[in-house]
PDB file of N, CA and C in Angstrom:
ATOM      1  N   MET A   1       1.468  -1.166  -0.135  1.00  0.00           N
ATOM      2  CA  MET A   1       0.342  -0.212   0.272  1.00  0.00           C
ATOM      3  C   MET A   1       0.602   0.951  -0.108  1.00  0.00           C
ATOM      4  N   SER A   2       2.523   1.029  -0.418  1.00  0.00           N
ATOM      5  CA  SER A   2       3.127   2.448   0.445  1.00  0.00           C
ATOM      6  C   SER A   2       2.895   2.683  -1.607  1.00  0.00           C
ATOM      7  N   TYR A   3       3.430   4.076  -1.170  1.00  0.00           N
ATOM      8  CA  TYR A   3       3.019   5.453  -2.851  1.00  0.00           C
ATOM      9  C   TYR A   3       1.755   5.158  -3.087  1.00  0.00           C
ATOM     10  N   ASN A   4       0.668   4.985  -2.470  1.00  0.00           N
ATOM     11  CA  ASN A   4      -0.390   5.349  -3.162  1.00  0.00           C
ATOM     12  C   ASN A   4      -0.902   6.796  -3.285  1.00  0.00           C
ATOM     13  N   ASN A   5       0.001   7.860  -2.265  1.00  0.00           N
ATOM     14  CA  ASN A   5      -0.938   9.103  -2.509  1.00  0.00           C
ATOM     15  C   ASN A   5      -2.528   8.755  -1.240  1.00  0.00           C
ATOM     16  N   LEU A   6      -2.496   7.842  -0.563  1.00  0.00           N
ATOM     17  CA  LEU A   6      -3.671   8.014   0.321  1.00  0.00           C
ATOM     18  C   LEU A   6      -3.442   8.461   1.526  1.00  0.00           C
ATOM     19  N   SER A   7      -4.747   8.852   1.118  1.00  0.00           N
ATOM     20  CA  SER A   7      -4.688   9.812   2.662  1.00  0.00           C
ATOM     21  C   SER A   7      -6.339   9.680   3.650  1.00  0.00           C
ATOM     22  N   GLY A   8      -6.102  10.761   5.560  1.00  0.00           N
ATOM     23  CA  GLY A   8      -7.159   9.548   5.380  1.00  0.00           C
ATOM     24  C   GLY A   8      -7.355   9.293   6.800  1.00  0.00           C
ATOM     25  N   LYS A   9      -8.129   8.707   7.244  1.00  0.00           N
ATOM     26  CA  LYS A   9      -7.974   7.745   8.803  1.00  0.00           C
ATOM     27  C   LYS A   9      -7.376   6.257   8.061  1.00  0.00           C
ATOM     28  N   ILE A  10      -6.744   5.305   8.921  1.00  0.00           N
ATOM     29  CA  ILE A  10      -6.342   3.634   8.231  1.00  0.00           C
ATOM     30  C   ILE A  10      -7.808   3.662   9.103  1.00  0.00           C
ATOM     31  N   PRO A  11      -8.918   2.363   7.743  1.00  0.00           N
ATOM     32  CA  PRO A  11      -9.732   2.415   9.244  1.00  0.00           C
ATOM     33  C   PRO A  11      -9.905   0.777  10.379  1.00  0.00           C
ATOM     34  N   SER A  12     -10.377   0.615  10.777  1.00  0.00           N
ATOM     35  CA  SER A  12      -9.550   0.105  12.462  1.00  0.00           C
ATOM     36  C   SER A  12     -10.941  -1.369  12.024  1.00  0.00           C
ATOM     37  N   GLY A  13     -10.801  -2.045  11.063  1.00  0.00           N
ATOM     38  CA  GLY A  13     -12.069  -2.914  10.294  1.00  0.00           C
ATOM     39  C   GLY A  13     -10.402  -4.745  10.855  1.00  0.00           C
ATOM     40  N   HIS A  14     -11.198  -5.231  10.864  1.00  0.00           N
ATOM     41  CA  HIS A  14     -10.512  -6.019  11.201  1.00  0.00           C
ATOM     42  C   HIS A  14      -8.859  -7.149  10.496  1.00  0.00           C
ATOM     43  N   GLN A  15      -9.793  -6.334   8.846  1.00  0.00           N
ATOM     44  CA  GLN A  15      -7.742  -7.121   8.228  1.00  0.00           C
ATOM     45  C   GLN A  15      -7.109  -6.036   7.948  1.00  0.00           C
ATOM     46  N   LEU A  16      -7.169  -4.778   8.530  1.00  0.00           N
ATOM     47  CA  LEU A  16      -6.259  -3.942   8.454  1.00  0.00           C
ATOM     48  C   LEU A  16      -5.558  -4.005   9.290  1.00  0.00           C
ATOM     49  N   GLN A  17      -6.109  -4.498  10.621  1.00  0.00           N
ATOM     50  CA  GLN A  17      -5.309  -4.138  11.933  1.00  0.00           C
ATOM     51  C   GLN A  17      -4.141  -5.577  11.976  1.00  0.00           C
ATOM     52  N   THR A  18      -4.227  -6.361  11.074  1.00  0.00           N
ATOM     53  CA  THR A  18      -3.213  -7.147  11.298  1.00  0.00           C
ATOM     54  C   THR A  18      -1.864  -6.712  10.365  1.00  0.00           C
ATOM     55  N   LEU A  19      -1.990  -5.520   9.873  1.00  0.00           N
ATOM     56  CA  LEU A  19      -1.464  -4.794   9.392  1.00  0.00           C
ATOM     57  C   LEU A  19      -0.434  -3.823  10.417  1.00  0.00           C
ATOM     58  N   ASP A  20       0.567  -4.243  10.962  1.00  0.00           N
ATOM     59  CA  ASP A  20       1.081  -3.323  12.056  1.00  0.00           C
ATOM     60  C   ASP A  20       2.015  -2.968  12.079  1.00  0.00           C
ATOM     61  N   ASP A  21       2.734  -3.129  10.600  1.00  0.00           N
ATOM     62  CA  ASP A  21       3.242  -2.359  10.074  1.00  0.00           C
ATOM     63  C   ASP A  21       3.822  -1.456   9.837  1.00  0.00           C
ATOM     64  N   PRO A  22       4.323  -0.007  10.521  1.00  0.00           N
ATOM     65  CA  PRO A  22       4.530   1.312   9.867  1.00  0.00           C
ATOM     66  C   PRO A  22       4.821   1.718   8.485  1.00  0.00           C
ATOM     67  N   SER A  23       5.998   0.795   7.905  1.00  0.00           N
ATOM     68  CA  SER A  23       6.525   0.681   6.712  1.00  0.00           C
ATOM     69  C   SER A  23       5.644   0.772   5.670  1.00  0.00           C
ATOM     70  N   ILE A  24       5.282  -0.182   5.649  1.00  0.00           N
ATOM     71  CA  ILE A  24       3.876  -0.098   4.094  1.00  0.00           C
ATOM     72  C   ILE A  24       3.654   0.518   4.122  1.00  0.00           C
ATOM     73  N   TYR A  25       2.582   1.561   4.675  1.00  0.00           N
ATOM     74  CA  TYR A  25       2.485   2.503   4.912  1.00  0.00           C
ATOM     75  C   TYR A  25       3.093   3.614   4.451  1.00  0.00           C
ATOM     76  N   GLU A  26       4.344   3.408   4.214  1.00  0.00           N
ATOM     77  CA  GLU A  26       5.177   4.853   3.507  1.00  0.00           C
ATOM     78  C   GLU A  26       4.646   5.523   1.881  1.00  0.00           C
ATOM     79  N   GLY A  27       5.232   7.034   2.047  1.00  0.00           N
ATOM     80  CA  GLY A  27       4.763   7.464   0.705  1.00  0.00           C
ATOM     81  C   GLY A  27       3.557   8.248   0.874  1.00  0.00           C
ATOM     82  N   ASN A  28       2.511   7.901   1.571  1.00  0.00           N
ATOM     83  CA  ASN A  28       1.093   8.417   1.796  1.00  0.00           C
ATOM     84  C   ASN A  28       0.900   9.274   3.561  1.00  0.00           C
ATOM     85  N   ASN A  29       0.899   9.966   2.353  1.00  0.00           N
ATOM     86  CA  ASN A  29       1.627  11.389   3.484  1.00  0.00           C
ATOM     87  C   ASN A  29       0.624  12.097   4.405  1.00  0.00           C
ATOM     88  N   GLY A  30      -0.998  11.434   3.686  1.00  0.00           N
ATOM     89  CA  GLY A  30      -2.165  11.928   4.118  1.00  0.00           C
ATOM     90  C   GLY A  30      -2.627  10.933   4.720  1.00  0.00           C
ATOM     91  N   LEU A  31      -2.200   9.404   5.368  1.00  0.00           N
ATOM     92  CA  LEU A  31      -2.853   8.562   6.232  1.00  0.00           C
ATOM     93  C   LEU A  31      -1.871   9.509   8.479  1.00  0.00           C
ATOM     94  N   CYS A  32      -3.520   8.594   8.366  1.00  0.00           N
ATOM     95  CA  CYS A  32      -3.395   8.707   9.735  1.00  0.00           C
ATOM     96  C   CYS A  32      -3.856   7.506  10.942  1.00  0.00           C
ATOM     97  N   GLY A  33      -3.119   7.282  11.870  1.00  0.00           N
ATOM     98  CA  GLY A  33      -3.954   6.536  12.622  1.00  0.00           C
ATOM     99  C   GLY A  33      -3.276   5.150  12.674  1.00  0.00           C
ATOM    100  N   PHE A  34      -3.948   4.100  13.791  1.00  0.00           N
ATOM    101  CA  PHE A  34      -2.428   3.056  14.011  1.00  0.00           C
ATOM    102  C   PHE A  34      -2.813   2.124  12.410  1.00  0.00           C
ATOM    103  N   PRO A  35      -1.845   1.714  12.700  1.00  0.00           N
ATOM    104  CA  PRO A  35       0.401   2.064  13.593  1.00  0.00           C
ATOM    105  C   PRO A  35       0.630   2.659  13.119  1.00  0.00           C
ATOM    106  N   LEU A  36       0.458   4.012  12.600  1.00  0.00           N
ATOM    107  CA  LEU A  36       1.172   5.124  12.361  1.00  0.00           C
ATOM    108  C   LEU A  36       1.249   6.092  13.320  1.00  0.00           C
ATOM    109  N   PRO A  37       2.017   7.160  13.988  1.00  0.00           N
ATOM    110  CA  PRO A  37       2.344   7.052  15.085  1.00  0.00           C
ATOM    111  C   PRO A  37       1.420   9.252  14.350  1.00  0.00           C
ATOM    112  N   ILE A  38       0.849   9.640  13.559  1.00  0.00           N
ATOM    113  CA  ILE A  38       0.164  10.612  13.490  1.00  0.00           C
ATOM    114  C   ILE A  38      -1.257  10.337  13.954  1.00  0.00           C
ATOM    115  N   GLU A  39      -1.482  10.896  14.514  1.00  0.00           N
ATOM    116  CA  GLU A  39      -2.835  11.359  15.508  1.00  0.00           C
ATOM    117  C   GLU A  39      -3.763  11.865  14.294  1.00  0.00           C
ATOM    118  N   CYS A  40      -5.176  10.776  14.440  1.00  0.00           N
ATOM    119  CA  CYS A  40      -6.003  11.721  13.576  1.00  0.00           C
ATOM    120  C   CYS A  40      -7.290  12.987  14.543  1.00  0.00           C
ATOM    121  N   SER A  41      -7.801  14.502  13.007  1.00  0.00           N
ATOM    122  CA  SER A  41      -8.636  15.376  13.857  1.00  0.00           C
ATOM    123  C   SER A  41      -9.094  14.391  13.193  1.00  0.00           C
ATOM    124  N   GLU A  42     -10.476  15.113  14.124  1.00  0.00           N
ATOM    125  CA  GLU A  42     -11.623  14.143  13.168  1.00  0.00           C
ATOM    126  C   GLU A  42     -12.686  15.393  12.421  1.00  0.00           C
ATOM    127  N   SER A  43     -12.252  16.486  12.110  1.00  0.00           N
ATOM    128  CA  SER A  43     -12.704  17.718  10.996  1.00  0.00           C
ATOM    129  C   SER A  43     -11.611  17.476   9.801  1.00  0.00           C
ATOM    130  N   LYS A  44     -10.463  16.668  10.038  1.00  0.00           N
ATOM    131  CA  LYS A  44      -9.795  16.318   8.599  1.00  0.00           C
ATOM    132  C   LYS A  44     -10.047  14.931   8.252  1.00  0.00           C
ATOM    133  N   THR A  45     -10.066  13.897   8.467  1.00  0.00           N
ATOM    134  CA  THR A  45     -10.840  12.854   7.964  1.00  0.00           C
ATOM    135  C   THR A  45     -11.870  12.342   7.492  1.00  0.00           C
ATOM    136  N   THR A  46     -13.028  13.748   8.312  1.00  0.00           N
ATOM    137  CA  THR A  46     -14.187  13.581   7.540  1.00  0.00           C
ATOM    138  C   THR A  46     -14.138  13.838   6.480  1.00  0.00           C
ATOM    139  N   SER A  47     -14.301  15.568   6.688  1.00  0.00           N
ATOM    140  CA  SER A  47     -14.901  16.818   5.374  1.00  0.00           C
ATOM    141  C   SER A  47     -13.960  16.392   4.417  1.00  0.00           C
ATOM    142  N   GLN A  48     -12.094  15.995   3.927  1.00  0.00           N
ATOM    143  CA  GLN A  48     -11.878  16.269   3.298  1.00  0.00           C
ATOM    144  C   GLN A  48     -11.364  15.012   2.607  1.00  0.00           C
ATOM    145  N   SER A  49     -11.833  13.364   3.669  1.00  0.00           N
ATOM    146  CA  SER A  49     -12.527  12.224   2.121  1.00  0.00           C
ATOM    147  C   SER A  49     -13.481  12.218   1.981  1.00  0.00           C
ATOM    148  N   PHE A  50     -13.716  13.674   2.559  1.00  0.00           N
ATOM    149  CA  PHE A  50     -15.666  13.073   1.764  1.00  0.00           C
ATOM    150  C   PHE A  50     -15.533  14.187  -0.044  1.00  0.00           C
ATOM    151  N   VAL A  51     -15.242  14.845   0.405  1.00  0.00           N
ATOM    152  CA  VAL A  51     -15.036  15.955  -0.656  1.00  0.00           C
ATOM    153  C   VAL A  51     -13.874  15.560  -1.402  1.00  0.00           C
ATOM    154  N   SER A  52     -13.505  14.894  -1.080  1.00  0.00           N
ATOM    155  CA  SER A  52     -11.957  14.302  -2.523  1.00  0.00           C
ATOM    156  C   SER A  52     -12.470  13.011  -2.850  1.00  0.00           C
ATOM    157  N   GLU A  53     -13.562  12.062  -2.017  1.00  0.00           N
ATOM    158  CA  GLU A  53     -13.934  11.202  -2.931  1.00  0.00           C
ATOM    159  C   GLU A  53     -15.656  11.288  -3.745  1.00  0.00           C
ATOM    160  N   ASN A  54     -15.741  11.978  -3.345  1.00  0.00           N
ATOM    161  CA  ASN A  54     -17.372  12.948  -4.053  1.00  0.00           C
ATOM    162  C   ASN A  54     -16.239  13.573  -5.876  1.00  0.00           C
ATOM    163  N   LYS A  55     -15.911  14.790  -5.362  1.00  0.00           N
ATOM    164  CA  LYS A  55     -15.344  15.469  -6.562  1.00  0.00           C
ATOM    165  C   LYS A  55     -14.348  13.776  -7.735  1.00  0.00           C
ATOM    166  N   LYS A  56     -13.942  12.248  -6.797  1.00  0.00           N
ATOM    167  CA  LYS A  56     -13.145  12.006  -8.211  1.00  0.00           C
ATOM    168  C   LYS A  56     -14.744  10.816  -8.514  1.00  0.00           C
ATOM    169  N   SER A  57     -15.520  10.817  -7.640  1.00  0.00           N
ATOM    170  CA  SER A  57     -16.494   9.666  -8.518  1.00  0.00           C
ATOM    171  C   SER A  57     -16.722  10.926  -9.949  1.00  0.00           C
ATOM    172  N   HIS A  58     -17.018  12.218  -9.481  1.00  0.00           N
ATOM    173  CA  HIS A  58     -18.154  13.255 -10.388  1.00  0.00           C
ATOM    174  C   HIS A  58     -16.398  12.955 -11.553  1.00  0.00           C
ATOM    175  N   GLN A  59     -15.013  13.378 -11.628  1.00  0.00           N
ATOM    176  CA  GLN A  59     -14.363  13.031 -12.006  1.00  0.00           C
ATOM    177  C   GLN A  59     -14.666  11.809 -13.644  1.00  0.00           C
ATOM    178  N   PHE A  60     -14.657  10.522 -12.908  1.00  0.00           N
ATOM    179  CA  PHE A  60     -14.767   9.562 -13.234  1.00  0.00           C
ATOM    180  C   PHE A  60     -16.584   9.410 -14.473  1.00  0.00           C
ATOM    181  N   TYR A  61     -17.157   9.936 -13.881  1.00  0.00           N
ATOM    182  CA  TYR A  61     -18.256   9.972 -14.213  1.00  0.00           C
ATOM    183  C   TYR A  61     -18.281  11.182 -15.905  1.00  0.00           C
ATOM    184  N   VAL A  62     -17.911  12.525 -15.428  1.00  0.00           N
ATOM    185  CA  VAL A  62     -17.448  13.387 -16.765  1.00  0.00           C
ATOM    186  C   VAL A  62     -17.163  12.338 -17.626  1.00  0.00           C
ATOM    187  N   GLY A  63     -15.359  12.395 -17.695  1.00  0.00           N
ATOM    188  CA  GLY A  63     -14.884  10.968 -17.611  1.00  0.00           C
ATOM    189  C   GLY A  63     -15.648  10.509 -18.709  1.00  0.00           C
ATOM    190  N   ALA A  64     -16.749   9.203 -17.872  1.00  0.00           N
ATOM    191  CA  ALA A  64     -17.105   8.100 -18.613  1.00  0.00           C
ATOM    192  C   ALA A  64     -17.826   8.554 -19.723  1.00  0.00           C
ATOM    193  N   ILE A  65     -18.875   9.981 -19.562  1.00  0.00           N
ATOM    194  CA  ILE A  65     -19.331  10.159 -20.019  1.00  0.00           C
ATOM    195  C   ILE A  65     -18.764  10.771 -21.711  1.00  0.00           C
ATOM    196  N   ILE A  66     -17.918  11.871 -21.102  1.00  0.00           N
ATOM    197  CA  ILE A  66     -17.132  12.372 -22.950  1.00  0.00           C
ATOM    198  C   ILE A  66     -17.192  11.179 -23.570  1.00  0.00           C
ATOM    199  N   GLY A  67     -15.935  10.183 -22.975  1.00  0.00           N
ATOM    200  CA  GLY A  67     -15.630   9.088 -23.624  1.00  0.00           C
ATOM    201  C   GLY A  67     -17.005   8.781 -24.490  1.00  0.00           C
ATOM    202  N   PHE A  68     -17.486   8.365 -24.106  1.00  0.00           N
ATOM    203  CA  PHE A  68     -18.258   7.467 -24.483  1.00  0.00           C
ATOM    204  C   PHE A  68     -19.082   8.233 -26.092  1.00  0.00           C
ATOM    205  N   SER A  69     -19.053   9.543 -25.431  1.00  0.00           N
ATOM    206  CA  SER A  69     -19.749  10.461 -26.805  1.00  0.00           C
ATOM    207  C   SER A  69     -18.837  10.556 -27.159  1.00  0.00           C
ATOM    208  N   VAL A  70     -17.650  10.475 -27.718  1.00  0.00           N
ATOM    209  CA  VAL A  70     -16.806  10.942 -28.562  1.00  0.00           C
ATOM    210  C   VAL A  70     -16.922   9.544 -29.276  1.00  0.00           C
ATOM    211  N   GLY A  71     -16.699   8.552 -28.861  1.00  0.00           N
ATOM    212  CA  GLY A  71     -16.584   7.253 -29.458  1.00  0.00           C
ATOM    213  C   GLY A  71     -17.892   6.995 -29.693  1.00  0.00           C
ATOM    214  N   ALA A  72     -18.990   7.529 -29.409  1.00  0.00           N
ATOM    215  CA  ALA A  72     -20.105   7.285 -30.867  1.00  0.00           C
ATOM    216  C   ALA A  72     -20.329   7.581 -31.593  1.00  0.00           C
ATOM    217  N   TRP A  73     -19.885   9.338 -31.489  1.00  0.00           N
ATOM    218  CA  TRP A  73     -19.932   9.618 -32.630  1.00  0.00           C
ATOM    219  C   TRP A  73     -18.701  10.230 -33.617  1.00  0.00           C
ATOM    220  N   MET A  74     -17.728   9.175 -32.660  1.00  0.00           N
ATOM    221  CA  MET A  74     -16.873   9.048 -34.310  1.00  0.00           C
ATOM    222  C   MET A  74     -17.022   7.529 -34.992  1.00  0.00           C
ATOM    223  N   VAL A  75     -17.945   6.619 -34.892  1.00  0.00           N
ATOM    224  CA  VAL A  75     -18.367   6.033 -34.929  1.00  0.00           C
ATOM    225  C   VAL A  75     -19.455   6.587 -36.370  1.00  0.00           C
ATOM    226  N   TYR A  76     -20.823   6.957 -35.583  1.00  0.00           N
ATOM    227  CA  TYR A  76     -21.874   7.409 -36.575  1.00  0.00           C
ATOM    228  C   TYR A  76     -21.318   8.509 -37.134  1.00  0.00           C
ATOM    229  N   GLY A  77     -20.158   9.177 -37.511  1.00  0.00           N
ATOM    230  CA  GLY A  77     -19.652  10.850 -38.605  1.00  0.00           C
ATOM    231  C   GLY A  77     -19.447   9.139 -39.418  1.00  0.00           C
ATOM    232  N   ILE A  78     -18.587   8.737 -39.795  1.00  0.00           N
ATOM    233  CA  ILE A  78     -17.751   7.303 -40.525  1.00  0.00           C
ATOM    234  C   ILE A  78     -19.115   7.095 -41.101  1.00  0.00           C
ATOM    235  N   PHE A  79     -20.262   6.723 -40.536  1.00  0.00           N
ATOM    236  CA  PHE A  79     -21.204   5.789 -41.309  1.00  0.00           C
ATOM    237  C   PHE A  79     -22.103   7.171 -41.508  1.00  0.00           C
ATOM    238  N   ILE A  80     -22.108   8.560 -41.403  1.00  0.00           N
ATOM    239  CA  ILE A  80     -23.088   9.643 -42.035  1.00  0.00           C
ATOM    240  C   ILE A  80     -22.125   9.819 -43.342  1.00  0.00           C
ATOM    241  N   PHE A  81     -20.793  10.714 -42.876  1.00  0.00           N
ATOM    242  CA  PHE A  81     -19.829  11.203 -43.958  1.00  0.00           C
ATOM    243  C   PHE A  81     -19.372   9.890 -45.261  1.00  0.00           C
ATOM    244  N   ILE A  82     -19.117   8.881 -44.915  1.00  0.00           N
ATOM    245  CA  ILE A  82     -18.432   7.971 -46.101  1.00  0.00           C
ATOM    246  C   ILE A  82     -19.618   7.153 -46.063  1.00  0.00           C
ATOM    247  N   THR A  83     -19.802   7.588 -47.355  1.00  0.00           N
ATOM    248  CA  THR A  83     -21.287   6.273 -47.988  1.00  0.00           C
ATOM    249  C   THR A  83     -20.266   4.733 -48.041  1.00  0.00           C
ATOM    250  N   PRO A  84     -19.666   4.902 -48.985  1.00  0.00           N
ATOM    251  CA  PRO A  84     -18.887   2.995 -49.031  1.00  0.00           C
ATOM    252  C   PRO A  84     -18.913   2.273 -48.547  1.00  0.00           C
ATOM    253  N   TRP A  85     -17.754   3.336 -46.867  1.00  0.00           N
ATOM    254  CA  TRP A  85     -18.428   1.919 -45.466  1.00  0.00           C
ATOM    255  C   TRP A  85     -19.422   1.877 -44.816  1.00  0.00           C
ATOM    256  N   ARG A  86     -20.367   3.145 -44.784  1.00  0.00           N
ATOM    257  CA  ARG A  86     -22.071   2.993 -44.634  1.00  0.00           C
ATOM    258  C   ARG A  86     -22.308   1.782 -45.268  1.00  0.00           C
ATOM    259  N   VAL A  87     -21.712   1.339 -46.782  1.00  0.00           N
ATOM    260  CA  VAL A  87     -23.041   0.126 -47.370  1.00  0.00           C
ATOM    261  C   VAL A  87     -22.477  -1.228 -47.704  1.00  0.00           C
ATOM    262  N   ALA A  88     -20.530  -0.731 -46.917  1.00  0.00           N
ATOM    263  CA  ALA A  88     -20.162  -1.743 -46.920  1.00  0.00           C
ATOM    264  C   ALA A  88     -20.198  -2.561 -45.489  1.00  0.00           C
ATOM    265  N   TYR A  89     -20.192  -1.629 -44.584  1.00  0.00           N
ATOM    266  CA  TYR A  89     -20.745  -2.400 -42.998  1.00  0.00           C
ATOM    267  C   TYR A  89     -22.227  -2.467 -43.392  1.00  0.00           C
ATOM    268  N   PHE A  90     -23.025  -2.162 -43.609  1.00  0.00           N
ATOM    269  CA  PHE A  90     -24.781  -3.251 -43.653  1.00  0.00           C
ATOM    270  C   PHE A  90     -24.393  -3.983 -44.741  1.00  0.00           C
ATOM    271  N   VAL A  91     -23.959  -4.263 -45.950  1.00  0.00           N
ATOM    272  CA  VAL A  91     -23.830  -5.113 -46.463  1.00  0.00           C
ATOM    273  C   VAL A  91     -22.744  -6.848 -45.681  1.00  0.00           C
ATOM    274  N   ILE A  92     -22.348  -6.661 -44.747  1.00  0.00           N
ATOM    275  CA  ILE A  92     -21.944  -7.097 -44.070  1.00  0.00           C
ATOM    276  C   ILE A  92     -22.636  -7.753 -42.869  1.00  0.00           C
ATOM    277  N   VAL A  93     -23.253  -6.894 -42.460  1.00  0.00           N
ATOM    278  CA  VAL A  93     -23.937  -7.356 -41.045  1.00  0.00           C
ATOM    279  C   VAL A  93     -24.872  -7.925 -42.025  1.00  0.00           C
ATOM    280  N   ASP A  94     -25.660  -7.598 -42.998  1.00  0.00           N
ATOM    281  CA  ASP A  94     -27.399  -8.598 -43.801  1.00  0.00           C
ATOM    282  C   ASP A  94     -26.375  -9.915 -43.480  1.00  0.00           C
ATOM    283  N   ASN A  95     -25.672  -9.803 -44.702  1.00  0.00           N
ATOM    284  CA  ASN A  95     -24.529 -10.921 -44.849  1.00  0.00           C
ATOM    285  C   ASN A  95     -24.962 -12.205 -43.028  1.00  0.00           C
ATOM    286  N   MET A  96     -24.470 -11.354 -42.140  1.00  0.00           N
ATOM    287  CA  MET A  96     -24.210 -12.285 -41.026  1.00  0.00           C
ATOM    288  C   MET A  96     -25.554 -13.149 -40.123  1.00  0.00           C
ATOM    289  N   TYR A  97     -26.250 -11.714 -41.136  1.00  0.00           N
ATOM    290  CA  TYR A  97     -28.019 -12.647 -40.775  1.00  0.00           C
ATOM    291  C   TYR A  97     -28.288 -13.558 -41.206  1.00  0.00           C
ATOM    292  N   ASP A  98     -27.940 -13.357 -42.340  1.00  0.00           N
ATOM    293  CA  ASP A  98     -28.700 -13.669 -43.461  1.00  0.00           C
ATOM    294  C   ASP A  98     -27.846 -15.368 -42.919  1.00  0.00           C
ATOM    295  N   ARG A  99     -26.735 -15.548 -42.856  1.00  0.00           N
ATOM    296  CA  ARG A  99     -26.400 -17.048 -42.655  1.00  0.00           C
ATOM    297  C   ARG A  99     -26.642 -17.319 -41.505  1.00  0.00           C
ATOM    298  N   LEU A 100     -26.593 -16.627 -40.156  1.00  0.00           N
ATOM    299  CA  LEU A 100     -26.865 -16.832 -38.861  1.00  0.00           C
ATOM    300  C   LEU A 100     -28.748 -17.350 -38.395  1.00  0.00           C
ATOM    301  N   TYR A 101     -29.974 -16.583 -39.376  1.00  0.00           N
ATOM    302  CA  TYR A 101     -30.931 -17.531 -39.837  1.00  0.00           C
ATOM    303  C   TYR A 101     -31.007 -18.810 -40.595  1.00  0.00           C
ATOM    304  N   VAL A 102     -29.940 -18.882 -41.631  1.00  0.00           N
ATOM    305  CA  VAL A 102     -30.509 -20.564 -42.527  1.00  0.00           C
ATOM    306  C   VAL A 102     -29.167 -20.904 -41.299  1.00  0.00           C
ATOM    307  N   PHE A 103     -27.917 -21.209 -40.118  1.00  0.00           N
ATOM    308  CA  PHE A 103     -27.945 -21.834 -39.599  1.00  0.00           C
ATOM    309  C   PHE A 103     -28.802 -21.964 -38.649  1.00  0.00           C
ATOM    310  N   VAL A 104     -29.564 -21.422 -38.030  1.00  0.00           N
ATOM    311  CA  VAL A 104     -30.796 -21.573 -36.812  1.00  0.00           C
ATOM    312  C   VAL A 104     -31.848 -22.580 -37.488  1.00  0.00           C
ATOM    313  N   ILE A 105     -31.816 -21.896 -38.449  1.00  0.00           N
ATOM    314  CA  ILE A 105     -33.539 -22.459 -38.955  1.00  0.00           C
ATOM    315  C   ILE A 105     -33.213 -24.259 -39.198  1.00  0.00           C
ATOM    316  N   LEU A 106     -31.687 -24.058 -40.182  1.00  0.00           N
ATOM    317  CA  LEU A 106     -31.858 -26.080 -40.362  1.00  0.00           C
ATOM    318  C   LEU A 106     -31.115 -26.756 -39.085  1.00  0.00           C
ATOM    319  N   ASN A 107     -30.638 -26.174 -38.260  1.00  0.00           N
ATOM    320  CA  ASN A 107     -30.197 -26.927 -37.003  1.00  0.00           C
ATOM    321  C   ASN A 107     -32.098 -26.791 -36.040  1.00  0.00           C
ATOM    322  N   TRP A 108     -32.901 -25.771 -35.831  1.00  0.00           N
ATOM    323  CA  TRP A 108     -34.166 -26.656 -35.540  1.00  0.00           C
ATOM    324  C   TRP A 108     -34.831 -27.316 -36.221  1.00  0.00           C
ATOM    325  N   ALA A 109     -34.530 -27.851 -37.404  1.00  0.00           N
ATOM    326  CA  ALA A 109     -35.275 -28.692 -38.513  1.00  0.00           C
ATOM    327  C   ALA A 109     -34.599 -30.099 -38.393  1.00  0.00           C
ATOM    328  N   ARG A 110     -32.989 -29.909 -38.321  1.00  0.00           N
ATOM    329  CA  ARG A 110     -32.412 -31.868 -37.639  1.00  0.00           C
ATOM    330  C   ARG A 110     -33.041 -31.613 -36.617  1.00  0.00           C
ATOM    331  N   SER A 111     -33.608 -30.704 -35.085  1.00  0.00           N
ATOM    332  CA  SER A 111     -33.602 -31.384 -34.150  1.00  0.00           C
ATOM    333  C   SER A 111     -34.703 -31.910 -34.521  1.00  0.00           C
ATOM    334  N   THR A 112     -35.922 -31.420 -35.308  1.00  0.00           N
ATOM    335  CA  THR A 112     -37.491 -31.979 -35.011  1.00  0.00           C
ATOM    336  C   THR A 112     -37.629 -32.807 -35.477  1.00  0.00           C
ATOM    337  N   TRP A 113     -36.193 -33.390 -36.584  1.00  0.00           N
ATOM    338  CA  TRP A 113     -37.281 -34.113 -37.528  1.00  0.00           C
ATOM    339  C   TRP A 113     -36.933 -36.101 -37.121  1.00  0.00           C
ATOM    340  N   LYS A 114     -37.523 -36.624 -36.899  1.00  0.00           N
ATOM    341  CA  LYS A 114     -36.757 -37.761 -36.399  1.00  0.00           C
ATOM    342  C   LYS A 114     -37.430 -38.699 -37.040  1.00  0.00           C
TER     343      LYS A 114
END
């Protein structure tokens, strides 16, 4: 867990209490609590960690929405503006549909014919 830029109070659950060597938390200057010699102040741990977690979750969702939108419009833009690619794509999809349809019907007919 060292050098991960962690901050806040180390949770007091059963799993992390078995890790009582302070050296495993090196490089995380914002951590406090057992087994570190740094004591936590109540205001520091509650307000800062909540704000930073809330901000990180918003950044993730904004990034995901922007990435999805850009990726989708790259595909749609190609199909809108490049006619030969659009035609080729739908020819491929149509052929795949036809082959799948024939495969399903033939297998269904074989399974029901006795």
